[in-house]
Amino acid sequence: MITTKEALQRFEETAIYYIHELDQFNMEQLKQKPSDNEWSIGQMVQHLISSALYMQLRNLDQCLVSSEDPLVHRKEKTELGAAVFAQGSFPPIRIQVPPSAQYTPEQPEGKEQLIQGLHKAIQRMKEIEPTLEKAFKQNTVSHPSFGGLCAEEWFLLVEMHYRHHLLQLDRLKQGLFGAAK
């Protein structure tokens, strides 16, 4: 398993890559969806930002609080979770969730919103990384598919998640620019 410092560096590089990639799209392209049940590039970036800030890092914060907190458990990872962390990445497959008001990201209002959100995620990861040394590994918060994850694993998950969506970005770009080539 990579260190949190290495994960932070890889995360920052990936987030900056997304920021640079946004330069090549206008707002119409950022909002263009390949089909009704797929996300646009803008929605995908919205998903990365909100899942990092409001799910993954929030759950990490829960792992750092007292074990008296009712959200903190001592649960084990699932078989899938153990495999993902042993491999250090998600499997290179498409993971589709049915469209829903709860899960489907909104279209971005502007490109600057996406850029600011990615910078905010970078900043939060930089703030959190030094605190992980003191985190109790037995404090876990459950992930819907991966089971109980400790603070360090939630941190590593953010980086893996951003890296995993590079496959989706490539597929969406191919859909936008593939016909023009």
N, C-alpha and C. Protein backbone atom coordinates (compact mmCIF):
# COMPACT_ATOMS: atom_id res chain seq x y z
N MET A 1 0.85 -1.19 0.00
CA MET A 1 0.00 0.00 0.00
C MET A 1 0.90 1.25 0.00
N ILE A 2 0.49 2.24 -0.76
CA ILE A 2 1.29 3.48 -0.83
C ILE A 2 1.08 4.30 0.44
N THR A 3 2.00 5.20 0.70
CA THR A 3 1.88 6.06 1.87
C THR A 3 0.86 7.17 1.59
N THR A 4 0.41 7.82 2.65
CA THR A 4 -0.53 8.92 2.46
C THR A 4 0.14 10.09 1.76
N LYS A 5 1.43 10.28 1.99
CA LYS A 5 2.15 11.37 1.30
C LYS A 5 2.20 11.09 -0.21
N GLU A 6 2.47 9.83 -0.58
CA GLU A 6 2.47 9.46 -2.00
C GLU A 6 1.07 9.61 -2.60
N ALA A 7 0.06 9.20 -1.84
CA ALA A 7 -1.32 9.32 -2.32
C ALA A 7 -1.70 10.78 -2.51
N LEU A 8 -1.27 11.63 -1.59
CA LEU A 8 -1.56 13.06 -1.71
C LEU A 8 -0.92 13.62 -2.98
N GLN A 9 0.33 13.25 -3.23
CA GLN A 9 1.01 13.74 -4.44
C GLN A 9 0.28 13.26 -5.69
N ARG A 10 -0.08 11.97 -5.73
CA ARG A 10 -0.79 11.43 -6.90
C ARG A 10 -2.16 12.08 -7.05
N PHE A 11 -2.84 12.29 -5.92
CA PHE A 11 -4.15 12.94 -5.97
C PHE A 11 -4.03 14.35 -6.56
N GLU A 12 -3.06 15.11 -6.05
CA GLU A 12 -2.89 16.49 -6.53
C GLU A 12 -2.57 16.50 -8.02
N GLU A 13 -1.72 15.60 -8.47
CA GLU A 13 -1.39 15.52 -9.90
C GLU A 13 -2.64 15.19 -10.73
N THR A 14 -3.45 14.28 -10.24
CA THR A 14 -4.66 13.89 -10.98
C THR A 14 -5.67 15.04 -10.99
N ALA A 15 -5.86 15.69 -9.86
CA ALA A 15 -6.81 16.82 -9.80
C ALA A 15 -6.35 17.96 -10.71
N ILE A 16 -5.06 18.24 -10.73
CA ILE A 16 -4.52 19.29 -11.62
C ILE A 16 -4.72 18.87 -13.08
N TYR A 17 -4.55 17.59 -13.36
CA TYR A 17 -4.81 17.09 -14.72
C TYR A 17 -6.25 17.39 -15.12
N TYR A 18 -7.20 17.11 -14.23
CA TYR A 18 -8.61 17.43 -14.52
C TYR A 18 -8.78 18.93 -14.80
N ILE A 19 -8.13 19.77 -13.99
CA ILE A 19 -8.24 21.22 -14.17
C ILE A 19 -7.72 21.60 -15.56
N HIS A 20 -6.57 21.06 -15.96
CA HIS A 20 -6.01 21.37 -17.28
C HIS A 20 -6.92 20.84 -18.40
N GLU A 21 -7.50 19.68 -18.19
CA GLU A 21 -8.40 19.10 -19.19
C GLU A 21 -9.62 19.99 -19.42
N LEU A 22 -10.10 20.64 -18.37
CA LEU A 22 -11.28 21.51 -18.49
C LEU A 22 -11.05 22.65 -19.48
N ASP A 23 -9.78 23.05 -19.66
CA ASP A 23 -9.46 24.15 -20.58
C ASP A 23 -9.92 23.89 -22.01
N GLN A 24 -9.95 22.63 -22.41
CA GLN A 24 -10.25 22.33 -23.81
C GLN A 24 -11.75 22.28 -24.13
N PHE A 25 -12.59 22.47 -23.10
CA PHE A 25 -14.04 22.36 -23.32
C PHE A 25 -14.73 23.69 -23.09
N ASN A 26 -15.77 23.93 -23.91
CA ASN A 26 -16.66 25.05 -23.61
C ASN A 26 -17.80 24.50 -22.74
N MET A 27 -18.67 25.37 -22.26
CA MET A 27 -19.72 24.92 -21.34
C MET A 27 -20.70 23.95 -22.01
N GLU A 28 -20.97 24.17 -23.27
CA GLU A 28 -21.87 23.26 -23.98
C GLU A 28 -21.28 21.84 -24.00
N GLN A 29 -19.98 21.75 -24.26
CA GLN A 29 -19.33 20.43 -24.26
C GLN A 29 -19.29 19.82 -22.87
N LEU A 30 -19.06 20.64 -21.85
CA LEU A 30 -19.01 20.13 -20.48
C LEU A 30 -20.36 19.58 -20.04
N LYS A 31 -21.44 20.08 -20.63
CA LYS A 31 -22.79 19.63 -20.25
C LYS A 31 -23.36 18.57 -21.19
N GLN A 32 -22.65 18.27 -22.25
CA GLN A 32 -23.14 17.29 -23.23
C GLN A 32 -23.07 15.88 -22.67
N LYS A 33 -24.22 15.19 -22.71
CA LYS A 33 -24.30 13.81 -22.22
C LYS A 33 -24.36 12.85 -23.40
N PRO A 34 -23.60 11.75 -23.35
CA PRO A 34 -23.64 10.77 -24.44
C PRO A 34 -25.02 10.15 -24.61
N SER A 35 -25.76 10.01 -23.51
CA SER A 35 -27.13 9.48 -23.54
C SER A 35 -27.85 9.97 -22.29
N ASP A 36 -29.16 9.73 -22.25
CA ASP A 36 -29.95 10.21 -21.11
C ASP A 36 -29.52 9.61 -19.77
N ASN A 37 -29.01 8.39 -19.80
CA ASN A 37 -28.66 7.74 -18.53
C ASN A 37 -27.16 7.78 -18.23
N GLU A 38 -26.42 8.64 -18.94
CA GLU A 38 -24.99 8.82 -18.67
C GLU A 38 -24.73 10.26 -18.25
N TRP A 39 -23.57 10.47 -17.61
CA TRP A 39 -23.20 11.80 -17.15
C TRP A 39 -22.38 12.53 -18.19
N SER A 40 -22.45 13.85 -18.11
CA SER A 40 -21.56 14.70 -18.90
C SER A 40 -20.21 14.79 -18.19
N ILE A 41 -19.23 15.38 -18.86
CA ILE A 41 -17.93 15.61 -18.22
C ILE A 41 -18.11 16.51 -17.00
N GLY A 42 -18.92 17.53 -17.13
CA GLY A 42 -19.18 18.44 -16.00
C GLY A 42 -19.79 17.72 -14.81
N GLN A 43 -20.75 16.84 -15.08
CA GLN A 43 -21.37 16.07 -13.99
C GLN A 43 -20.36 15.13 -13.34
N MET A 44 -19.51 14.53 -14.16
CA MET A 44 -18.49 13.63 -13.62
C MET A 44 -17.56 14.37 -12.67
N VAL A 45 -17.13 15.58 -13.06
CA VAL A 45 -16.24 16.37 -12.20
C VAL A 45 -17.00 16.80 -10.95
N GLN A 46 -18.26 17.17 -11.10
CA GLN A 46 -19.09 17.50 -9.92
C GLN A 46 -19.13 16.32 -8.96
N HIS A 47 -19.30 15.11 -9.51
CA HIS A 47 -19.33 13.89 -8.71
C HIS A 47 -18.02 13.71 -7.94
N LEU A 48 -16.90 13.91 -8.61
CA LEU A 48 -15.60 13.75 -7.95
C LEU A 48 -15.45 14.73 -6.79
N ILE A 49 -15.83 15.97 -7.03
CA ILE A 49 -15.71 17.00 -5.99
C ILE A 49 -16.61 16.69 -4.81
N SER A 50 -17.89 16.45 -5.07
CA SER A 50 -18.83 16.25 -3.97
C SER A 50 -18.58 14.94 -3.23
N SER A 51 -18.21 13.88 -3.94
CA SER A 51 -17.95 12.62 -3.23
C SER A 51 -16.72 12.75 -2.34
N ALA A 52 -15.70 13.48 -2.79
CA ALA A 52 -14.51 13.69 -1.95
C ALA A 52 -14.85 14.55 -0.74
N LEU A 53 -15.46 15.70 -0.97
CA LEU A 53 -15.68 16.66 0.11
C LEU A 53 -16.80 16.26 1.06
N TYR A 54 -17.86 15.66 0.53
CA TYR A 54 -19.06 15.46 1.35
C TYR A 54 -19.35 14.01 1.71
N MET A 55 -18.56 13.08 1.18
CA MET A 55 -18.74 11.69 1.58
C MET A 55 -17.43 11.12 2.10
N GLN A 56 -16.43 11.02 1.26
CA GLN A 56 -15.19 10.35 1.63
C GLN A 56 -14.45 11.09 2.76
N LEU A 57 -14.23 12.38 2.61
CA LEU A 57 -13.51 13.12 3.65
C LEU A 57 -14.36 13.33 4.90
N ARG A 58 -15.66 13.41 4.73
CA ARG A 58 -16.56 13.49 5.89
C ARG A 58 -16.48 12.19 6.70
N ASN A 59 -16.46 11.05 6.00
CA ASN A 59 -16.34 9.77 6.69
C ASN A 59 -14.96 9.63 7.34
N LEU A 60 -13.93 10.13 6.67
CA LEU A 60 -12.60 10.15 7.26
C LEU A 60 -12.63 10.94 8.57
N ASP A 61 -13.25 12.11 8.55
CA ASP A 61 -13.36 12.93 9.77
C ASP A 61 -14.05 12.16 10.89
N GLN A 62 -15.07 11.37 10.55
CA GLN A 62 -15.77 10.57 11.55
C GLN A 62 -14.83 9.56 12.20
N CYS A 63 -13.91 9.01 11.41
CA CYS A 63 -12.95 8.04 11.94
C CYS A 63 -11.98 8.70 12.92
N LEU A 64 -11.78 10.00 12.81
CA LEU A 64 -10.84 10.72 13.66
C LEU A 64 -11.44 11.12 15.00
N VAL A 65 -12.78 11.11 15.11
CA VAL A 65 -13.42 11.51 16.36
C VAL A 65 -13.45 10.34 17.33
N SER A 66 -13.92 10.60 18.48
CA SER A 66 -14.00 9.60 19.54
C SER A 66 -14.73 8.35 19.09
N SER A 67 -14.31 7.21 19.60
CA SER A 67 -14.98 5.96 19.25
C SER A 67 -16.36 5.88 19.90
N GLU A 68 -16.73 6.87 20.70
CA GLU A 68 -18.08 6.94 21.28
C GLU A 68 -19.10 7.40 20.24
N ASP A 69 -18.63 7.95 19.13
CA ASP A 69 -19.53 8.41 18.07
C ASP A 69 -20.29 7.23 17.49
N PRO A 70 -21.61 7.33 17.36
CA PRO A 70 -22.40 6.19 16.86
C PRO A 70 -22.11 5.82 15.41
N LEU A 71 -21.50 6.72 14.63
CA LEU A 71 -21.19 6.40 13.24
C LEU A 71 -19.88 5.62 13.10
N VAL A 72 -19.07 5.63 14.17
CA VAL A 72 -17.78 4.95 14.12
C VAL A 72 -17.96 3.51 14.60
N HIS A 73 -17.48 2.59 13.79
CA HIS A 73 -17.61 1.17 14.08
C HIS A 73 -16.24 0.51 14.06
N ARG A 74 -16.25 -0.76 14.31
CA ARG A 74 -15.05 -1.56 14.15
C ARG A 74 -15.40 -2.70 13.20
N LYS A 75 -15.76 -2.32 11.99
CA LYS A 75 -16.16 -3.30 10.98
C LYS A 75 -14.99 -3.63 10.07
N GLU A 76 -15.02 -4.82 9.52
CA GLU A 76 -14.00 -5.26 8.58
C GLU A 76 -14.38 -4.84 7.17
N LYS A 77 -13.39 -4.85 6.29
CA LYS A 77 -13.66 -4.61 4.88
C LYS A 77 -14.36 -5.82 4.28
N THR A 78 -15.12 -5.59 3.24
CA THR A 78 -15.71 -6.68 2.48
C THR A 78 -14.61 -7.31 1.62
N GLU A 79 -14.94 -8.42 0.98
CA GLU A 79 -13.99 -9.07 0.08
C GLU A 79 -13.59 -8.12 -1.05
N LEU A 80 -14.59 -7.41 -1.59
CA LEU A 80 -14.31 -6.44 -2.65
C LEU A 80 -13.41 -5.32 -2.13
N GLY A 81 -13.72 -4.81 -0.94
CA GLY A 81 -12.91 -3.75 -0.35
C GLY A 81 -11.47 -4.19 -0.14
N ALA A 82 -11.29 -5.40 0.37
CA ALA A 82 -9.93 -5.92 0.59
C ALA A 82 -9.19 -6.04 -0.75
N ALA A 83 -9.88 -6.48 -1.79
CA ALA A 83 -9.26 -6.63 -3.11
C ALA A 83 -8.86 -5.28 -3.69
N VAL A 84 -9.74 -4.29 -3.57
CA VAL A 84 -9.46 -2.94 -4.10
C VAL A 84 -8.23 -2.35 -3.41
N PHE A 85 -8.17 -2.48 -2.08
CA PHE A 85 -7.03 -1.89 -1.36
C PHE A 85 -5.74 -2.69 -1.58
N ALA A 86 -5.86 -4.00 -1.76
CA ALA A 86 -4.67 -4.80 -2.06
C ALA A 86 -4.10 -4.42 -3.42
N GLN A 87 -4.99 -4.15 -4.38
CA GLN A 87 -4.59 -3.78 -5.74
C GLN A 87 -4.18 -2.31 -5.81
N GLY A 88 -4.72 -1.48 -4.91
CA GLY A 88 -4.41 -0.06 -4.92
C GLY A 88 -5.19 0.72 -5.95
N SER A 89 -6.25 0.10 -6.49
CA SER A 89 -7.09 0.79 -7.47
C SER A 89 -8.40 0.04 -7.66
N PHE A 90 -9.35 0.76 -8.23
CA PHE A 90 -10.61 0.14 -8.60
C PHE A 90 -10.35 -0.75 -9.81
N PRO A 91 -11.16 -1.78 -10.02
CA PRO A 91 -11.00 -2.55 -11.26
C PRO A 91 -11.29 -1.65 -12.46
N PRO A 92 -10.60 -1.84 -13.58
CA PRO A 92 -10.78 -0.96 -14.74
C PRO A 92 -12.07 -1.27 -15.52
N ILE A 93 -13.18 -1.18 -14.81
CA ILE A 93 -14.49 -1.46 -15.43
C ILE A 93 -15.42 -0.27 -15.20
N ARG A 94 -16.45 -0.18 -16.03
CA ARG A 94 -17.46 0.85 -15.84
C ARG A 94 -18.35 0.44 -14.68
N ILE A 95 -18.57 1.38 -13.80
CA ILE A 95 -19.48 1.16 -12.68
C ILE A 95 -20.64 2.11 -12.88
N GLN A 96 -21.81 1.56 -13.16
CA GLN A 96 -22.97 2.41 -13.42
C GLN A 96 -23.98 2.26 -12.30
N VAL A 97 -24.47 3.38 -11.85
CA VAL A 97 -25.52 3.44 -10.85
C VAL A 97 -26.75 4.00 -11.56
N PRO A 98 -27.92 3.41 -11.34
CA PRO A 98 -29.11 3.95 -12.00
C PRO A 98 -29.31 5.43 -11.67
N PRO A 99 -29.75 6.23 -12.65
CA PRO A 99 -29.97 7.65 -12.39
C PRO A 99 -30.96 7.84 -11.24
N SER A 100 -30.64 8.79 -10.36
CA SER A 100 -31.54 9.11 -9.25
C SER A 100 -31.28 10.54 -8.82
N ALA A 101 -32.28 11.16 -8.22
CA ALA A 101 -32.13 12.53 -7.73
C ALA A 101 -31.05 12.60 -6.65
N GLN A 102 -30.90 11.54 -5.88
CA GLN A 102 -29.92 11.52 -4.80
C GLN A 102 -28.50 11.38 -5.32
N TYR A 103 -28.29 10.60 -6.36
CA TYR A 103 -26.94 10.25 -6.78
C TYR A 103 -26.46 11.00 -8.03
N THR A 104 -27.36 11.32 -8.94
CA THR A 104 -26.95 11.96 -10.19
C THR A 104 -26.54 13.41 -9.93
N PRO A 105 -25.30 13.78 -10.28
CA PRO A 105 -24.84 15.15 -10.04
C PRO A 105 -25.57 16.15 -10.94
N GLU A 106 -25.69 17.36 -10.44
CA GLU A 106 -26.24 18.46 -11.23
C GLU A 106 -25.23 18.85 -12.30
N GLN A 107 -25.73 19.45 -13.36
CA GLN A 107 -24.83 20.03 -14.35
C GLN A 107 -24.15 21.24 -13.71
N PRO A 108 -22.89 21.50 -14.04
CA PRO A 108 -22.21 22.66 -13.45
C PRO A 108 -22.80 23.96 -13.97
N GLU A 109 -22.70 25.00 -13.13
CA GLU A 109 -23.16 26.32 -13.54
C GLU A 109 -22.12 27.01 -14.41
N GLY A 110 -20.86 26.68 -14.17
CA GLY A 110 -19.78 27.26 -14.95
C GLY A 110 -18.50 26.50 -14.74
N LYS A 111 -17.57 26.72 -15.63
CA LYS A 111 -16.27 26.04 -15.55
C LYS A 111 -15.53 26.43 -14.27
N GLU A 112 -15.65 27.69 -13.88
CA GLU A 112 -14.96 28.16 -12.67
C GLU A 112 -15.43 27.42 -11.42
N GLN A 113 -16.70 27.04 -11.38
CA GLN A 113 -17.24 26.26 -10.26
C GLN A 113 -16.49 24.93 -10.13
N LEU A 114 -16.21 24.29 -11.26
CA LEU A 114 -15.50 23.02 -11.26
C LEU A 114 -14.05 23.20 -10.83
N ILE A 115 -13.41 24.22 -11.36
CA ILE A 115 -12.01 24.49 -11.03
C ILE A 115 -11.87 24.80 -9.53
N GLN A 116 -12.76 25.64 -9.01
CA GLN A 116 -12.71 25.98 -7.58
C GLN A 116 -12.96 24.74 -6.72
N GLY A 117 -13.90 23.90 -7.13
CA GLY A 117 -14.19 22.68 -6.39
C GLY A 117 -13.01 21.73 -6.34
N LEU A 118 -12.32 21.58 -7.47
CA LEU A 118 -11.12 20.72 -7.50
C LEU A 118 -10.02 21.30 -6.61
N HIS A 119 -9.85 22.62 -6.64
CA HIS A 119 -8.85 23.25 -5.77
C HIS A 119 -9.22 23.07 -4.29
N LYS A 120 -10.51 23.14 -3.99
CA LYS A 120 -10.95 22.95 -2.61
C LYS A 120 -10.66 21.51 -2.15
N ALA A 121 -10.88 20.55 -3.03
CA ALA A 121 -10.58 19.15 -2.70
C ALA A 121 -9.08 18.97 -2.45
N ILE A 122 -8.25 19.60 -3.29
CA ILE A 122 -6.79 19.53 -3.09
C ILE A 122 -6.42 20.12 -1.72
N GLN A 123 -6.98 21.28 -1.42
CA GLN A 123 -6.67 21.95 -0.16
C GLN A 123 -7.07 21.10 1.04
N ARG A 124 -8.27 20.51 1.01
CA ARG A 124 -8.73 19.65 2.11
C ARG A 124 -7.81 18.43 2.28
N MET A 125 -7.41 17.82 1.18
CA MET A 125 -6.52 16.66 1.25
C MET A 125 -5.18 17.06 1.88
N LYS A 126 -4.67 18.24 1.52
CA LYS A 126 -3.40 18.72 2.09
C LYS A 126 -3.54 18.98 3.59
N GLU A 127 -4.68 19.50 4.01
CA GLU A 127 -4.91 19.77 5.42
C GLU A 127 -5.03 18.48 6.22
N ILE A 128 -5.68 17.49 5.65
CA ILE A 128 -5.98 16.25 6.37
C ILE A 128 -4.77 15.31 6.47
N GLU A 129 -3.97 15.24 5.44
CA GLU A 129 -2.89 14.23 5.39
C GLU A 129 -2.03 14.20 6.66
N PRO A 130 -1.56 15.35 7.19
CA PRO A 130 -0.70 15.27 8.39
C PRO A 130 -1.42 14.71 9.63
N THR A 131 -2.74 14.78 9.68
CA THR A 131 -3.48 14.31 10.85
C THR A 131 -3.62 12.79 10.87
N LEU A 132 -3.35 12.14 9.77
CA LEU A 132 -3.62 10.70 9.66
C LEU A 132 -2.67 9.84 10.49
N GLU A 133 -1.49 10.36 10.80
CA GLU A 133 -0.53 9.61 11.62
C GLU A 133 -1.13 9.21 12.96
N LYS A 134 -1.97 10.08 13.51
CA LYS A 134 -2.52 9.86 14.85
C LYS A 134 -3.87 9.14 14.83
N ALA A 135 -4.36 8.79 13.65
CA ALA A 135 -5.68 8.15 13.55
C ALA A 135 -5.64 6.71 14.03
N PHE A 136 -6.68 6.31 14.73
CA PHE A 136 -6.81 4.93 15.19
C PHE A 136 -7.31 4.06 14.04
N LYS A 137 -6.56 3.04 13.70
CA LYS A 137 -6.93 2.16 12.59
C LYS A 137 -8.21 1.37 12.89
N GLN A 138 -8.51 1.16 14.17
CA GLN A 138 -9.71 0.39 14.50
C GLN A 138 -10.99 1.20 14.35
N ASN A 139 -10.89 2.54 14.27
CA ASN A 139 -12.07 3.37 14.03
C ASN A 139 -12.40 3.33 12.54
N THR A 140 -13.56 2.77 12.20
CA THR A 140 -13.95 2.68 10.80
C THR A 140 -15.35 3.22 10.60
N VAL A 141 -15.59 3.64 9.38
CA VAL A 141 -16.93 4.02 8.92
C VAL A 141 -17.20 3.18 7.68
N SER A 142 -18.39 2.63 7.58
CA SER A 142 -18.70 1.71 6.49
C SER A 142 -18.89 2.41 5.15
N HIS A 143 -18.28 1.82 4.14
CA HIS A 143 -18.50 2.19 2.75
C HIS A 143 -19.56 1.22 2.22
N PRO A 144 -20.47 1.67 1.35
CA PRO A 144 -21.54 0.78 0.88
C PRO A 144 -21.07 -0.52 0.22
N SER A 145 -19.93 -0.48 -0.46
CA SER A 145 -19.42 -1.69 -1.14
C SER A 145 -18.17 -2.27 -0.50
N PHE A 146 -17.37 -1.44 0.15
CA PHE A 146 -16.06 -1.88 0.62
C PHE A 146 -16.01 -2.25 2.10
N GLY A 147 -17.10 -1.99 2.84
CA GLY A 147 -17.12 -2.31 4.26
C GLY A 147 -16.44 -1.24 5.09
N GLY A 148 -15.97 -1.63 6.28
CA GLY A 148 -15.38 -0.68 7.21
C GLY A 148 -14.02 -0.18 6.76
N LEU A 149 -13.91 1.14 6.61
CA LEU A 149 -12.65 1.77 6.21
C LEU A 149 -12.20 2.72 7.32
N CYS A 150 -10.90 2.68 7.63
CA CYS A 150 -10.34 3.61 8.61
C CYS A 150 -10.00 4.93 7.90
N ALA A 151 -9.58 5.92 8.68
CA ALA A 151 -9.30 7.25 8.13
C ALA A 151 -8.30 7.19 6.98
N GLU A 152 -7.22 6.45 7.16
CA GLU A 152 -6.20 6.35 6.12
C GLU A 152 -6.78 5.74 4.84
N GLU A 153 -7.63 4.74 4.98
CA GLU A 153 -8.22 4.10 3.80
C GLU A 153 -9.21 5.04 3.10
N TRP A 154 -9.97 5.82 3.84
CA TRP A 154 -10.84 6.81 3.21
C TRP A 154 -10.00 7.81 2.41
N PHE A 155 -8.85 8.21 2.96
CA PHE A 155 -7.95 9.14 2.29
C PHE A 155 -7.44 8.52 0.99
N LEU A 156 -6.96 7.29 1.06
CA LEU A 156 -6.46 6.61 -0.13
C LEU A 156 -7.57 6.41 -1.16
N LEU A 157 -8.78 6.21 -0.69
CA LEU A 157 -9.92 6.00 -1.59
C LEU A 157 -10.18 7.23 -2.46
N VAL A 158 -10.00 8.42 -1.91
CA VAL A 158 -10.21 9.64 -2.69
C VAL A 158 -9.29 9.62 -3.91
N GLU A 159 -8.03 9.31 -3.69
CA GLU A 159 -7.07 9.28 -4.79
C GLU A 159 -7.43 8.20 -5.80
N MET A 160 -7.78 7.01 -5.33
CA MET A 160 -8.16 5.91 -6.23
C MET A 160 -9.39 6.28 -7.06
N HIS A 161 -10.34 6.95 -6.42
CA HIS A 161 -11.58 7.33 -7.09
C HIS A 161 -11.31 8.32 -8.21
N TYR A 162 -10.50 9.34 -7.94
CA TYR A 162 -10.16 10.32 -8.97
C TYR A 162 -9.44 9.65 -10.13
N ARG A 163 -8.52 8.75 -9.82
CA ARG A 163 -7.78 8.04 -10.86
C ARG A 163 -8.71 7.14 -11.68
N HIS A 164 -9.64 6.49 -11.01
CA HIS A 164 -10.58 5.59 -11.71
C HIS A 164 -11.40 6.35 -12.76
N HIS A 165 -11.82 7.57 -12.42
CA HIS A 165 -12.67 8.33 -13.34
C HIS A 165 -11.91 8.87 -14.55
N LEU A 166 -10.59 8.73 -14.59
CA LEU A 166 -9.85 9.10 -15.80
C LEU A 166 -10.30 8.25 -16.99
N LEU A 167 -10.68 7.00 -16.72
CA LEU A 167 -11.20 6.13 -17.79
C LEU A 167 -12.50 6.71 -18.36
N GLN A 168 -13.36 7.19 -17.48
CA GLN A 168 -14.62 7.79 -17.93
C GLN A 168 -14.35 9.08 -18.70
N LEU A 169 -13.42 9.89 -18.22
CA LEU A 169 -13.07 11.12 -18.92
C LEU A 169 -12.61 10.80 -20.34
N ASP A 170 -11.73 9.81 -20.48
CA ASP A 170 -11.25 9.43 -21.82
C ASP A 170 -12.40 8.98 -22.71
N ARG A 171 -13.32 8.20 -22.16
CA ARG A 171 -14.46 7.71 -22.94
C ARG A 171 -15.37 8.88 -23.36
N LEU A 172 -15.61 9.81 -22.43
CA LEU A 172 -16.47 10.96 -22.75
C LEU A 172 -15.80 11.89 -23.78
N LYS A 173 -14.49 12.08 -23.65
CA LYS A 173 -13.76 12.89 -24.64
C LYS A 173 -13.82 12.24 -26.01
N GLN A 174 -13.67 10.92 -26.05
CA GLN A 174 -13.74 10.19 -27.31
C GLN A 174 -15.11 10.42 -27.97
N GLY A 175 -16.15 10.43 -27.14
CA GLY A 175 -17.50 10.69 -27.67
C GLY A 175 -17.65 12.11 -28.22
N LEU A 176 -16.99 13.06 -27.58
CA LEU A 176 -17.07 14.46 -28.04
C LEU A 176 -16.21 14.71 -29.27
N PHE A 177 -14.98 14.18 -29.25
CA PHE A 177 -14.01 14.51 -30.28
C PHE A 177 -13.77 13.36 -31.26
N GLY A 178 -14.23 12.17 -30.93
CA GLY A 178 -13.96 11.00 -31.77
C GLY A 178 -14.49 11.14 -33.18
N ALA A 179 -15.68 11.70 -33.32
CA ALA A 179 -16.28 11.85 -34.63
C ALA A 179 -15.55 12.90 -35.47
N ALA A 180 -14.89 13.85 -34.80
CA ALA A 180 -14.20 14.93 -35.51
C ALA A 180 -12.84 14.49 -36.08
N LYS A 181 -12.34 13.36 -35.59
CA LYS A 181 -11.00 12.93 -36.03
C LYS A 181 -11.04 12.21 -37.34
